[in-house]
PDB file of N, CA and C in Angstrom:
ATOM      1  N   MET A   1     138.178 205.204 148.658  1.00  0.00           N
ATOM      2  CA  MET A   1     137.879 204.226 148.645  1.00  0.00           C
ATOM      3  C   MET A   1     138.283 202.835 148.361  1.00  0.00           C
ATOM      4  N   LYS A   2     139.463 203.137 147.912  1.00  0.00           N
ATOM      5  CA  LYS A   2     140.443 201.945 148.117  1.00  0.00           C
ATOM      6  C   LYS A   2     141.115 201.345 149.730  1.00  0.00           C
ATOM      7  N   ARG A   3     140.986 201.751 150.682  1.00  0.00           N
ATOM      8  CA  ARG A   3     140.784 202.329 152.295  1.00  0.00           C
ATOM      9  C   ARG A   3     140.290 201.260 152.555  1.00  0.00           C
ATOM     10  N   LEU A   4     138.943 201.962 151.799  1.00  0.00           N
ATOM     11  CA  LEU A   4     137.545 201.557 152.916  1.00  0.00           C
ATOM     12  C   LEU A   4     137.768 199.684 152.148  1.00  0.00           C
ATOM     13  N   LYS A   5     137.205 199.631 151.117  1.00  0.00           N
ATOM     14  CA  LYS A   5     137.569 198.508 150.621  1.00  0.00           C
ATOM     15  C   LYS A   5     138.465 197.094 151.375  1.00  0.00           C
ATOM     16  N   CYS A   6     139.694 198.179 151.747  1.00  0.00           N
ATOM     17  CA  CYS A   6     140.573 197.289 152.112  1.00  0.00           C
ATOM     18  C   CYS A   6     139.755 196.782 153.781  1.00  0.00           C
ATOM     19  N   VAL A   7     139.541 197.448 154.643  1.00  0.00           N
ATOM     20  CA  VAL A   7     139.046 197.637 156.107  1.00  0.00           C
ATOM     21  C   VAL A   7     137.276 196.513 155.862  1.00  0.00           C
ATOM     22  N   ALA A   8     137.395 196.477 155.127  1.00  0.00           N
ATOM     23  CA  ALA A   8     135.748 196.115 154.962  1.00  0.00           C
ATOM     24  C   ALA A   8     136.410 194.352 154.090  1.00  0.00           C
ATOM     25  N   LEU A   9     136.783 194.080 153.558  1.00  0.00           N
ATOM     26  CA  LEU A   9     137.726 192.502 152.917  1.00  0.00           C
ATOM     27  C   LEU A   9     138.745 192.484 154.491  1.00  0.00           C
ATOM     28  N   ALA A  10     139.214 192.660 155.250  1.00  0.00           N
ATOM     29  CA  ALA A  10     139.963 192.567 156.706  1.00  0.00           C
ATOM     30  C   ALA A  10     138.973 192.612 157.574  1.00  0.00           C
ATOM     31  N   ALA A  11     137.740 192.798 157.477  1.00  0.00           N
ATOM     32  CA  ALA A  11     136.428 192.414 158.455  1.00  0.00           C
ATOM     33  C   ALA A  11     136.012 191.134 158.266  1.00  0.00           C
ATOM     34  N   LEU A  12     135.574 190.801 157.087  1.00  0.00           N
ATOM     35  CA  LEU A  12     134.931 189.702 156.191  1.00  0.00           C
ATOM     36  C   LEU A  12     135.788 188.449 156.723  1.00  0.00           C
ATOM     37  N   VAL A  13     137.345 188.382 156.300  1.00  0.00           N
ATOM     38  CA  VAL A  13     138.073 187.671 157.001  1.00  0.00           C
ATOM     39  C   VAL A  13     137.990 187.446 158.153  1.00  0.00           C
ATOM     40  N   ALA A  14     138.449 189.050 158.619  1.00  0.00           N
ATOM     41  CA  ALA A  14     138.003 188.246 160.463  1.00  0.00           C
ATOM     42  C   ALA A  14     136.783 187.406 161.095  1.00  0.00           C
ATOM     43  N   THR A  15     136.439 188.030 159.854  1.00  0.00           N
ATOM     44  CA  THR A  15     134.900 187.114 160.367  1.00  0.00           C
ATOM     45  C   THR A  15     134.968 185.971 160.138  1.00  0.00           C
ATOM     46  N   VAL A  16     135.252 185.810 159.237  1.00  0.00           N
ATOM     47  CA  VAL A  16     134.922 184.109 158.520  1.00  0.00           C
ATOM     48  C   VAL A  16     136.115 183.028 159.459  1.00  0.00           C
ATOM     49  N   LEU A  17     137.497 183.704 159.960  1.00  0.00           N
ATOM     50  CA  LEU A  17     138.157 182.755 160.617  1.00  0.00           C
ATOM     51  C   LEU A  17     137.917 182.946 162.479  1.00  0.00           C
ATOM     52  N   ALA A  18     136.812 184.201 162.412  1.00  0.00           N
ATOM     53  CA  ALA A  18     136.108 183.807 164.337  1.00  0.00           C
ATOM     54  C   ALA A  18     135.578 182.707 164.154  1.00  0.00           C
ATOM     55  N   ALA A  19     134.334 182.717 162.905  1.00  0.00           N
ATOM     56  CA  ALA A  19     133.307 181.797 162.717  1.00  0.00           C
ATOM     57  C   ALA A  19     134.183 180.381 162.866  1.00  0.00           C
ATOM     58  N   LYS A  20     134.870 180.688 161.521  1.00  0.00           N
ATOM     59  CA  LYS A  20     135.616 178.548 161.816  1.00  0.00           C
ATOM     60  C   LYS A  20     136.124 177.997 163.226  1.00  0.00           C
ATOM     61  N   ALA A  21     136.719 179.022 164.292  1.00  0.00           N
ATOM     62  CA  ALA A  21     137.457 178.720 164.955  1.00  0.00           C
ATOM     63  C   ALA A  21     136.178 178.276 165.698  1.00  0.00           C
ATOM     64  N   GLU A  22     135.014 178.938 165.764  1.00  0.00           N
ATOM     65  CA  GLU A  22     133.569 178.652 166.617  1.00  0.00           C
ATOM     66  C   GLU A  22     133.449 176.953 166.385  1.00  0.00           C
ATOM     67  N   GLU A  23     133.137 177.283 165.005  1.00  0.00           N
ATOM     68  CA  GLU A  23     132.360 175.819 164.489  1.00  0.00           C
ATOM     69  C   GLU A  23     133.442 174.321 164.465  1.00  0.00           C
ATOM     70  N   VAL A  24     134.725 174.786 165.127  1.00  0.00           N
ATOM     71  CA  VAL A  24     135.435 173.561 165.222  1.00  0.00           C
ATOM     72  C   VAL A  24     134.946 172.499 165.788  1.00  0.00           C
ATOM     73  N   PRO A  25     134.647 171.699 165.851  1.00  0.00           N
ATOM     74  CA  PRO A  25     134.461 170.436 167.192  1.00  0.00           C
ATOM     75  C   PRO A  25     135.666 169.810 167.393  1.00  0.00           C
ATOM     76  N   GLN A  26     136.071 170.021 169.136  1.00  0.00           N
ATOM     77  CA  GLN A  26     137.240 168.938 169.236  1.00  0.00           C
ATOM     78  C   GLN A  26     137.490 167.665 168.740  1.00  0.00           C
ATOM     79  N   GLY A  27     138.886 168.201 168.077  1.00  0.00           N
ATOM     80  CA  GLY A  27     139.279 166.458 167.750  1.00  0.00           C
ATOM     81  C   GLY A  27     140.524 165.637 168.573  1.00  0.00           C
ATOM     82  N   ASP A  28     141.058 164.261 168.245  1.00  0.00           N
ATOM     83  CA  ASP A  28     142.359 163.455 168.504  1.00  0.00           C
ATOM     84  C   ASP A  28     143.036 164.069 166.932  1.00  0.00           C
ATOM     85  N   THR A  29     143.928 164.670 167.435  1.00  0.00           N
ATOM     86  CA  THR A  29     145.089 164.993 166.212  1.00  0.00           C
ATOM     87  C   THR A  29     146.034 162.979 165.917  1.00  0.00           C
ATOM     88  N   ALA A  30     145.904 163.332 166.746  1.00  0.00           N
ATOM     89  CA  ALA A  30     146.864 161.426 167.105  1.00  0.00           C
ATOM     90  C   ALA A  30     145.763 160.422 166.102  1.00  0.00           C
ATOM     91  N   ASN A  31     145.171 159.847 165.999  1.00  0.00           N
ATOM     92  CA  ASN A  31     143.467 159.202 166.140  1.00  0.00           C
ATOM     93  C   ASN A  31     143.537 159.824 164.523  1.00  0.00           C
ATOM     94  N   GLY A  32     143.452 160.891 164.071  1.00  0.00           N
ATOM     95  CA  GLY A  32     142.984 161.886 163.266  1.00  0.00           C
ATOM     96  C   GLY A  32     144.592 160.741 161.987  1.00  0.00           C
ATOM     97  N   GLN A  33     145.497 161.417 162.253  1.00  0.00           N
ATOM     98  CA  GLN A  33     146.462 160.873 161.579  1.00  0.00           C
ATOM     99  C   GLN A  33     146.584 159.003 161.609  1.00  0.00           C
ATOM    100  N   ARG A  34     146.142 157.888 162.661  1.00  0.00           N
ATOM    101  CA  ARG A  34     145.899 157.201 162.293  1.00  0.00           C
ATOM    102  C   ARG A  34     145.306 156.817 161.287  1.00  0.00           C
ATOM    103  N   VAL A  35     144.099 157.399 161.316  1.00  0.00           N
ATOM    104  CA  VAL A  35     142.532 157.514 159.903  1.00  0.00           C
ATOM    105  C   VAL A  35     143.480 158.075 158.664  1.00  0.00           C
ATOM    106  N   TYR A  36     144.113 158.748 159.074  1.00  0.00           N
ATOM    107  CA  TYR A  36     144.412 159.641 157.743  1.00  0.00           C
ATOM    108  C   TYR A  36     145.307 158.611 156.595  1.00  0.00           C
ATOM    109  N   LEU A  37     146.215 158.114 157.030  1.00  0.00           N
ATOM    110  CA  LEU A  37     147.387 157.029 157.085  1.00  0.00           C
ATOM    111  C   LEU A  37     146.182 155.464 156.947  1.00  0.00           C
ATOM    112  N   ARG A  38     145.479 154.636 157.709  1.00  0.00           N
ATOM    113  CA  ARG A  38     144.712 154.303 157.285  1.00  0.00           C
ATOM    114  C   ARG A  38     143.914 153.567 156.126  1.00  0.00           C
ATOM    115  N   GLU A  39     143.575 155.103 155.636  1.00  0.00           N
ATOM    116  CA  GLU A  39     142.618 155.042 154.314  1.00  0.00           C
ATOM    117  C   GLU A  39     142.934 155.811 153.517  1.00  0.00           C
ATOM    118  N   ALA A  40     144.894 155.542 153.528  1.00  0.00           N
ATOM    119  CA  ALA A  40     145.546 155.905 152.750  1.00  0.00           C
ATOM    120  C   ALA A  40     145.203 157.780 151.877  1.00  0.00           C
ATOM    121  N   CYS A  41     144.638 158.422 152.649  1.00  0.00           N
ATOM    122  CA  CYS A  41     144.956 159.583 152.092  1.00  0.00           C
ATOM    123  C   CYS A  41     146.288 160.533 151.813  1.00  0.00           C
ATOM    124  N   PHE A  42     146.810 159.899 152.122  1.00  0.00           N
ATOM    125  CA  PHE A  42     148.424 159.846 151.859  1.00  0.00           C
ATOM    126  C   PHE A  42     148.361 159.740 150.299  1.00  0.00           C
ATOM    127  N   THR A  43     148.002 159.129 150.089  1.00  0.00           N
ATOM    128  CA  THR A  43     148.192 158.663 148.740  1.00  0.00           C
ATOM    129  C   THR A  43     148.465 159.548 147.557  1.00  0.00           C
ATOM    130  N   CYS A  44     146.954 160.317 148.100  1.00  0.00           N
ATOM    131  CA  CYS A  44     146.268 162.246 147.045  1.00  0.00           C
ATOM    132  C   CYS A  44     147.141 163.106 147.555  1.00  0.00           C
ATOM    133  N   HIS A  45     146.518 163.297 148.323  1.00  0.00           N
ATOM    134  CA  HIS A  45     147.498 164.319 149.219  1.00  0.00           C
ATOM    135  C   HIS A  45     148.704 164.750 150.771  1.00  0.00           C
ATOM    136  N   GLY A  46     149.159 163.667 150.180  1.00  0.00           N
ATOM    137  CA  GLY A  46     150.692 163.497 151.353  1.00  0.00           C
ATOM    138  C   GLY A  46     150.939 163.178 152.136  1.00  0.00           C
ATOM    139  N   ARG A  47     151.852 162.729 152.767  1.00  0.00           N
ATOM    140  CA  ARG A  47     151.741 162.466 154.169  1.00  0.00           C
ATOM    141  C   ARG A  47     151.392 163.466 154.727  1.00  0.00           C
ATOM    142  N   SER A  48     152.137 164.824 154.447  1.00  0.00           N
ATOM    143  CA  SER A  48     152.140 165.746 155.036  1.00  0.00           C
ATOM    144  C   SER A  48     151.469 166.819 154.918  1.00  0.00           C
ATOM    145  N   GLY A  49     149.999 166.137 154.222  1.00  0.00           N
ATOM    146  CA  GLY A  49     149.006 167.110 153.238  1.00  0.00           C
ATOM    147  C   GLY A  49     149.448 168.163 152.710  1.00  0.00           C
ATOM    148  N   GLN A  50     150.446 167.761 151.808  1.00  0.00           N
ATOM    149  CA  GLN A  50     150.996 168.619 150.983  1.00  0.00           C
ATOM    150  C   GLN A  50     150.352 168.557 149.809  1.00  0.00           C
ATOM    151  N   GLY A  51     149.468 167.832 149.403  1.00  0.00           N
ATOM    152  CA  GLY A  51     148.440 167.366 147.930  1.00  0.00           C
ATOM    153  C   GLY A  51     149.802 167.132 146.884  1.00  0.00           C
ATOM    154  N   GLY A  52     149.124 166.556 146.608  1.00  0.00           N
ATOM    155  CA  GLY A  52     150.502 165.817 144.818  1.00  0.00           C
ATOM    156  C   GLY A  52     149.111 165.713 143.474  1.00  0.00           C
ATOM    157  N   ALA A  53     149.860 164.843 142.485  1.00  0.00           N
ATOM    158  CA  ALA A  53     149.104 164.676 141.539  1.00  0.00           C
ATOM    159  C   ALA A  53     148.326 163.045 140.947  1.00  0.00           C
ATOM    160  N   TYR A  54     148.828 162.068 142.400  1.00  0.00           N
ATOM    161  CA  TYR A  54     148.307 161.677 141.738  1.00  0.00           C
ATOM    162  C   TYR A  54     146.342 160.783 141.387  1.00  0.00           C
ATOM    163  N   GLY A  55     146.514 160.417 139.952  1.00  0.00           N
ATOM    164  CA  GLY A  55     145.305 160.706 139.494  1.00  0.00           C
ATOM    165  C   GLY A  55     144.729 161.866 139.213  1.00  0.00           C
ATOM    166  N   GLY A  56     145.319 163.010 139.151  1.00  0.00           N
ATOM    167  CA  GLY A  56     144.857 164.040 139.026  1.00  0.00           C
ATOM    168  C   GLY A  56     145.496 165.174 140.055  1.00  0.00           C
ATOM    169  N   PRO A  57     144.878 166.204 140.027  1.00  0.00           N
ATOM    170  CA  PRO A  57     145.739 167.122 141.361  1.00  0.00           C
ATOM    171  C   PRO A  57     144.485 166.674 142.363  1.00  0.00           C
ATOM    172  N   ALA A  58     145.307 167.161 143.626  1.00  0.00           N
ATOM    173  CA  ALA A  58     144.852 167.045 144.863  1.00  0.00           C
ATOM    174  C   ALA A  58     144.983 168.001 145.756  1.00  0.00           C
ATOM    175  N   PRO A  59     143.895 168.713 146.444  1.00  0.00           N
ATOM    176  CA  PRO A  59     144.128 169.901 147.723  1.00  0.00           C
ATOM    177  C   PRO A  59     145.102 169.837 148.404  1.00  0.00           C
ATOM    178  N   ILE A  60     145.867 170.673 148.547  1.00  0.00           N
ATOM    179  CA  ILE A  60     146.706 170.654 149.973  1.00  0.00           C
ATOM    180  C   ILE A  60     145.603 170.962 150.925  1.00  0.00           C
ATOM    181  N   LEU A  61     146.173 169.994 152.321  1.00  0.00           N
ATOM    182  CA  LEU A  61     145.276 169.407 153.079  1.00  0.00           C
ATOM    183  C   LEU A  61     146.018 170.242 154.193  1.00  0.00           C
ATOM    184  N   ALA A  62     147.470 170.282 154.413  1.00  0.00           N
ATOM    185  CA  ALA A  62     147.989 170.673 155.526  1.00  0.00           C
ATOM    186  C   ALA A  62     147.943 172.339 156.430  1.00  0.00           C
ATOM    187  N   HIS A  63     147.196 172.171 157.546  1.00  0.00           N
ATOM    188  CA  HIS A  63     146.739 173.683 157.495  1.00  0.00           C
ATOM    189  C   HIS A  63     145.896 174.701 157.062  1.00  0.00           C
ATOM    190  N   THR A  64     144.427 174.044 156.491  1.00  0.00           N
ATOM    191  CA  THR A  64     143.317 173.983 156.004  1.00  0.00           C
ATOM    192  C   THR A  64     142.802 174.952 155.822  1.00  0.00           C
ATOM    193  N   ALA A  65     142.493 175.583 154.506  1.00  0.00           N
ATOM    194  CA  ALA A  65     141.535 176.914 155.010  1.00  0.00           C
ATOM    195  C   ALA A  65     139.963 176.796 155.031  1.00  0.00           C
ATOM    196  N   LEU A  66     139.695 175.477 154.735  1.00  0.00           N
ATOM    197  CA  LEU A  66     138.242 174.916 154.446  1.00  0.00           C
ATOM    198  C   LEU A  66     137.455 175.152 155.925  1.00  0.00           C
ATOM    199  N   PRO A  67     136.219 175.379 156.471  1.00  0.00           N
ATOM    200  CA  PRO A  67     135.795 175.902 157.353  1.00  0.00           C
ATOM    201  C   PRO A  67     135.451 173.985 157.889  1.00  0.00           C
ATOM    202  N   PHE A  68     135.153 173.453 159.000  1.00  0.00           N
ATOM    203  CA  PHE A  68     135.069 172.194 159.164  1.00  0.00           C
ATOM    204  C   PHE A  68     133.680 171.502 158.486  1.00  0.00           C
ATOM    205  N   GLU A  69     132.561 171.775 158.343  1.00  0.00           N
ATOM    206  CA  GLU A  69     131.398 171.996 157.783  1.00  0.00           C
ATOM    207  C   GLU A  69     132.179 171.520 155.793  1.00  0.00           C
ATOM    208  N   SER A  70     132.784 172.233 155.570  1.00  0.00           N
ATOM    209  CA  SER A  70     132.372 172.373 154.093  1.00  0.00           C
ATOM    210  C   SER A  70     133.660 170.683 154.093  1.00  0.00           C
ATOM    211  N   PHE A  71     134.852 170.528 154.733  1.00  0.00           N
ATOM    212  CA  PHE A  71     135.954 169.999 154.757  1.00  0.00           C
ATOM    213  C   PHE A  71     134.777 168.398 154.909  1.00  0.00           C
ATOM    214  N   ARG A  72     133.923 168.416 155.818  1.00  0.00           N
ATOM    215  CA  ARG A  72     133.185 167.255 155.922  1.00  0.00           C
ATOM    216  C   ARG A  72     132.344 167.195 155.097  1.00  0.00           C
ATOM    217  N   GLU A  73     131.775 168.024 154.397  1.00  0.00           N
ATOM    218  CA  GLU A  73     131.038 167.532 152.868  1.00  0.00           C
ATOM    219  C   GLU A  73     131.829 166.464 151.790  1.00  0.00           C
ATOM    220  N   GLU A  74     133.394 167.173 152.011  1.00  0.00           N
ATOM    221  CA  GLU A  74     134.062 167.204 150.965  1.00  0.00           C
ATOM    222  C   GLU A  74     133.974 165.490 151.060  1.00  0.00           C
ATOM    223  N   ILE A  75     134.179 165.271 152.211  1.00  0.00           N
ATOM    224  CA  ILE A  75     134.723 163.585 152.058  1.00  0.00           C
ATOM    225  C   ILE A  75     133.440 163.544 152.124  1.00  0.00           C
ATOM    226  N   ARG A  76     131.970 163.860 152.672  1.00  0.00           N
ATOM    227  CA  ARG A  76     130.744 162.237 152.280  1.00  0.00           C
ATOM    228  C   ARG A  76     130.559 162.898 150.506  1.00  0.00           C
ATOM    229  N   ASN A  77     130.360 164.209 150.014  1.00  0.00           N
ATOM    230  CA  ASN A  77     129.770 164.321 148.490  1.00  0.00           C
ATOM    231  C   ASN A  77     131.208 164.852 148.164  1.00  0.00           C
ATOM    232  N   PRO A  78     132.461 164.134 147.816  1.00  0.00           N
ATOM    233  CA  PRO A  78     132.833 164.743 146.884  1.00  0.00           C
ATOM    234  C   PRO A  78     133.234 164.889 145.402  1.00  0.00           C
ATOM    235  N   VAL A  79     133.278 166.497 145.013  1.00  0.00           N
ATOM    236  CA  VAL A  79     133.370 166.738 144.174  1.00  0.00           C
ATOM    237  C   VAL A  79     134.157 166.135 142.854  1.00  0.00           C
ATOM    238  N   ASN A  80     135.177 165.896 142.951  1.00  0.00           N
ATOM    239  CA  ASN A  80     136.173 165.437 142.027  1.00  0.00           C
ATOM    240  C   ASN A  80     136.313 164.105 141.770  1.00  0.00           C
ATOM    241  N   ASN A  81     137.939 163.271 141.590  1.00  0.00           N
ATOM    242  CA  ASN A  81     138.130 161.977 141.866  1.00  0.00           C
ATOM    243  C   ASN A  81     138.104 161.564 143.145  1.00  0.00           C
ATOM    244  N   MET A  82     137.995 162.443 144.228  1.00  0.00           N
ATOM    245  CA  MET A  82     138.327 161.484 144.992  1.00  0.00           C
ATOM    246  C   MET A  82     136.464 160.970 145.168  1.00  0.00           C
ATOM    247  N   PRO A  83     137.072 159.493 146.581  1.00  0.00           N
ATOM    248  CA  PRO A  83     136.016 159.083 146.344  1.00  0.00           C
ATOM    249  C   PRO A  83     135.260 158.823 148.100  1.00  0.00           C
ATOM    250  N   ALA A  84     133.345 158.881 148.143  1.00  0.00           N
ATOM    251  CA  ALA A  84     132.806 159.228 148.597  1.00  0.00           C
ATOM    252  C   ALA A  84     132.935 158.550 150.181  1.00  0.00           C
ATOM    253  N   TYR A  85     133.567 158.760 151.272  1.00  0.00           N
ATOM    254  CA  TYR A  85     133.195 157.873 152.681  1.00  0.00           C
ATOM    255  C   TYR A  85     131.815 157.902 153.660  1.00  0.00           C
ATOM    256  N   SER A  86     131.164 156.582 152.952  1.00  0.00           N
ATOM    257  CA  SER A  86     129.898 157.342 153.978  1.00  0.00           C
ATOM    258  C   SER A  86     130.617 156.953 155.699  1.00  0.00           C
ATOM    259  N   ASP A  87     129.159 157.264 156.685  1.00  0.00           N
ATOM    260  CA  ASP A  87     129.912 156.613 157.758  1.00  0.00           C
ATOM    261  C   ASP A  87     130.145 155.655 157.990  1.00  0.00           C
ATOM    262  N   ALA A  88     129.803 154.028 157.104  1.00  0.00           N
ATOM    263  CA  ALA A  88     130.167 153.104 157.161  1.00  0.00           C
ATOM    264  C   ALA A  88     131.862 152.888 157.453  1.00  0.00           C
ATOM    265  N   VAL A  89     132.624 153.711 156.490  1.00  0.00           N
ATOM    266  CA  VAL A  89     133.284 153.564 156.625  1.00  0.00           C
ATOM    267  C   VAL A  89     134.219 154.356 157.325  1.00  0.00           C
ATOM    268  N   LEU A  90     133.451 156.089 157.611  1.00  0.00           N
ATOM    269  CA  LEU A  90     134.437 156.543 158.360  1.00  0.00           C
ATOM    270  C   LEU A  90     133.288 158.090 158.652  1.00  0.00           C
ATOM    271  N   SER A  91     133.844 157.415 160.352  1.00  0.00           N
ATOM    272  CA  SER A  91     132.235 157.790 160.675  1.00  0.00           C
ATOM    273  C   SER A  91     132.548 159.252 161.336  1.00  0.00           C
ATOM    274  N   GLU A  92     132.235 160.133 161.914  1.00  0.00           N
ATOM    275  CA  GLU A  92     131.516 161.946 162.077  1.00  0.00           C
ATOM    276  C   GLU A  92     133.038 161.699 163.115  1.00  0.00           C
ATOM    277  N   LYS A  93     133.134 161.020 164.329  1.00  0.00           N
ATOM    278  CA  LYS A  93     134.103 160.883 165.094  1.00  0.00           C
ATOM    279  C   LYS A  93     135.664 161.429 164.338  1.00  0.00           C
ATOM    280  N   GLU A  94     135.770 159.973 163.141  1.00  0.00           N
ATOM    281  CA  GLU A  94     137.487 160.064 162.411  1.00  0.00           C
ATOM    282  C   GLU A  94     137.461 160.848 161.594  1.00  0.00           C
ATOM    283  N   ILE A  95     136.587 161.567 160.770  1.00  0.00           N
ATOM    284  CA  ILE A  95     136.322 163.141 160.111  1.00  0.00           C
ATOM    285  C   ILE A  95     136.838 164.015 160.912  1.00  0.00           C
ATOM    286  N   VAL A  96     135.876 164.420 161.770  1.00  0.00           N
ATOM    287  CA  VAL A  96     136.646 165.303 162.918  1.00  0.00           C
ATOM    288  C   VAL A  96     138.283 165.041 163.352  1.00  0.00           C
ATOM    289  N   ASP A  97     138.654 163.875 163.904  1.00  0.00           N
ATOM    290  CA  ASP A  97     139.879 163.841 164.186  1.00  0.00           C
ATOM    291  C   ASP A  97     141.258 164.199 162.865  1.00  0.00           C
ATOM    292  N   VAL A  98     140.392 163.918 161.483  1.00  0.00           N
ATOM    293  CA  VAL A  98     141.756 163.825 160.588  1.00  0.00           C
ATOM    294  C   VAL A  98     141.329 165.437 160.075  1.00  0.00           C
ATOM    295  N   TYR A  99     140.326 165.694 160.736  1.00  0.00           N
ATOM    296  CA  TYR A  99     140.332 167.752 160.360  1.00  0.00           C
ATOM    297  C   TYR A  99     141.423 168.031 161.354  1.00  0.00           C
ATOM    298  N   ALA A 100     141.330 167.795 162.392  1.00  0.00           N
ATOM    299  CA  ALA A 100     142.112 168.162 163.806  1.00  0.00           C
ATOM    300  C   ALA A 100     143.755 167.492 163.486  1.00  0.00           C
ATOM    301  N   PHE A 101     143.892 166.785 162.881  1.00  0.00           N
ATOM    302  CA  PHE A 101     145.215 166.383 162.150  1.00  0.00           C
ATOM    303  C   PHE A 101     145.406 167.015 161.499  1.00  0.00           C
ATOM    304  N   VAL A 102     144.841 167.355 159.576  1.00  0.00           N
ATOM    305  CA  VAL A 102     145.333 168.133 159.178  1.00  0.00           C
ATOM    306  C   VAL A 102     145.595 169.332 159.448  1.00  0.00           C
ATOM    307  N   GLU A 103     144.701 170.040 160.148  1.00  0.00           N
ATOM    308  CA  GLU A 103     144.936 171.320 160.250  1.00  0.00           C
ATOM    309  C   GLU A 103     146.017 171.660 161.508  1.00  0.00           C
ATOM    310  N   SER A 104     146.612 171.011 161.767  1.00  0.00           N
ATOM    311  CA  SER A 104     148.103 170.442 162.832  1.00  0.00           C
ATOM    312  C   SER A 104     149.137 170.585 162.055  1.00  0.00           C
ATOM    313  N   LEU A 105     149.069 170.178 160.640  1.00  0.00           N
ATOM    314  CA  LEU A 105     150.166 169.757 159.422  1.00  0.00           C
ATOM    315  C   LEU A 105     150.495 172.104 159.896  1.00  0.00           C
ATOM    316  N   PRO A 106     151.594 171.396 159.343  1.00  0.00           N
ATOM    317  CA  PRO A 106     151.782 173.827 158.988  1.00  0.00           C
ATOM    318  C   PRO A 106     151.381 174.127 157.765  1.00  0.00           C
ATOM    319  N   GLY A 107     151.710 174.613 157.753  1.00  0.00           N
ATOM    320  CA  GLY A 107     151.265 174.790 156.410  1.00  0.00           C
ATOM    321  C   GLY A 107     152.562 175.233 155.225  1.00  0.00           C
ATOM    322  N   ALA A 108     152.216 176.097 153.795  1.00  0.00           N
ATOM    323  CA  ALA A 108     153.560 175.896 152.893  1.00  0.00           C
ATOM    324  C   ALA A 108     154.317 177.227 154.090  1.00  0.00           C
ATOM    325  N   ARG A 109     155.458 176.848 153.108  1.00  0.00           N
ATOM    326  CA  ARG A 109     156.573 177.646 154.126  1.00  0.00           C
ATOM    327  C   ARG A 109     157.290 178.659 153.168  1.00  0.00           C
ATOM    328  N   SER A 110     156.638 179.995 153.359  1.00  0.00           N
ATOM    329  CA  SER A 110     157.769 181.321 152.330  1.00  0.00           C
ATOM    330  C   SER A 110     158.938 180.455 152.241  1.00  0.00           C
ATOM    331  N   PRO A 111     158.589 181.010 150.331  1.00  0.00           N
ATOM    332  CA  PRO A 111     159.763 181.200 150.008  1.00  0.00           C
ATOM    333  C   PRO A 111     161.398 181.651 150.639  1.00  0.00           C
ATOM    334  N   LYS A 112     161.039 182.658 151.808  1.00  0.00           N
ATOM    335  CA  LYS A 112     161.820 183.269 151.743  1.00  0.00           C
ATOM    336  C   LYS A 112     162.678 183.031 153.890  1.00  0.00           C
ATOM    337  N   ASP A 113     161.398 181.613 153.695  1.00  0.00           N
ATOM    338  CA  ASP A 113     162.260 181.204 155.122  1.00  0.00           C
ATOM    339  C   ASP A 113     162.852 179.491 154.667  1.00  0.00           C
ATOM    340  N   ILE A 114     163.414 179.658 153.305  1.00  0.00           N
ATOM    341  CA  ILE A 114     164.481 178.666 153.249  1.00  0.00           C
ATOM    342  C   ILE A 114     165.284 179.217 152.785  1.00  0.00           C
ATOM    343  N   SER A 115     166.074 178.637 153.650  1.00  0.00           N
ATOM    344  CA  SER A 115     167.319 179.537 153.180  1.00  0.00           C
ATOM    345  C   SER A 115     168.428 179.441 152.047  1.00  0.00           C
ATOM    346  N   ILE A 116     168.239 178.151 151.541  1.00  0.00           N
ATOM    347  CA  ILE A 116     169.172 177.520 150.341  1.00  0.00           C
ATOM    348  C   ILE A 116     168.323 178.334 149.361  1.00  0.00           C
ATOM    349  N   LEU A 117     167.386 179.097 149.026  1.00  0.00           N
ATOM    350  CA  LEU A 117     166.642 179.936 147.908  1.00  0.00           C
ATOM    351  C   LEU A 117     167.072 181.120 148.421  1.00  0.00           C
ATOM    352  N   ASN A 118     167.743 181.772 149.515  1.00  0.00           N
ATOM    353  CA  ASN A 118     168.402 183.101 149.680  1.00  0.00           C
ATOM    354  C   ASN A 118     169.730 183.230 149.629  1.00  0.00           C
ATOM    355  N   ASN A 119     170.405 182.379 149.241  1.00  0.00           N
ATOM    356  CA  ASN A 119     171.912 182.452 149.301  1.00  0.00           C
ATOM    357  C   ASN A 119     171.956 182.667 147.843  1.00  0.00           C
TER     358      ASN A 119
END
């Protein structure tokens, strides 16, 4: 029974990842970085998308686990302290580009990969 649950969970994760890969429009990573800096996203989310605590906890964006549509919805209609960015402020193309940028950032490293922590 336990093995069946693991197989089902693995299949679900694979399906979600495949759907995420299919739904993501192509973005311009360099422009996404410019927009990320211009709109001061780094103030809360950090320069490398590591998250932060300015004005409350801000999620990690580096190599985000959010599918594009969820990422876009959070920008347009945020659920927490983040300001909403209308189309007049941030175009759909710019959102795609910012998504491409945060996806390009390396995610958190495992402590095993940090040599000073393994001495």
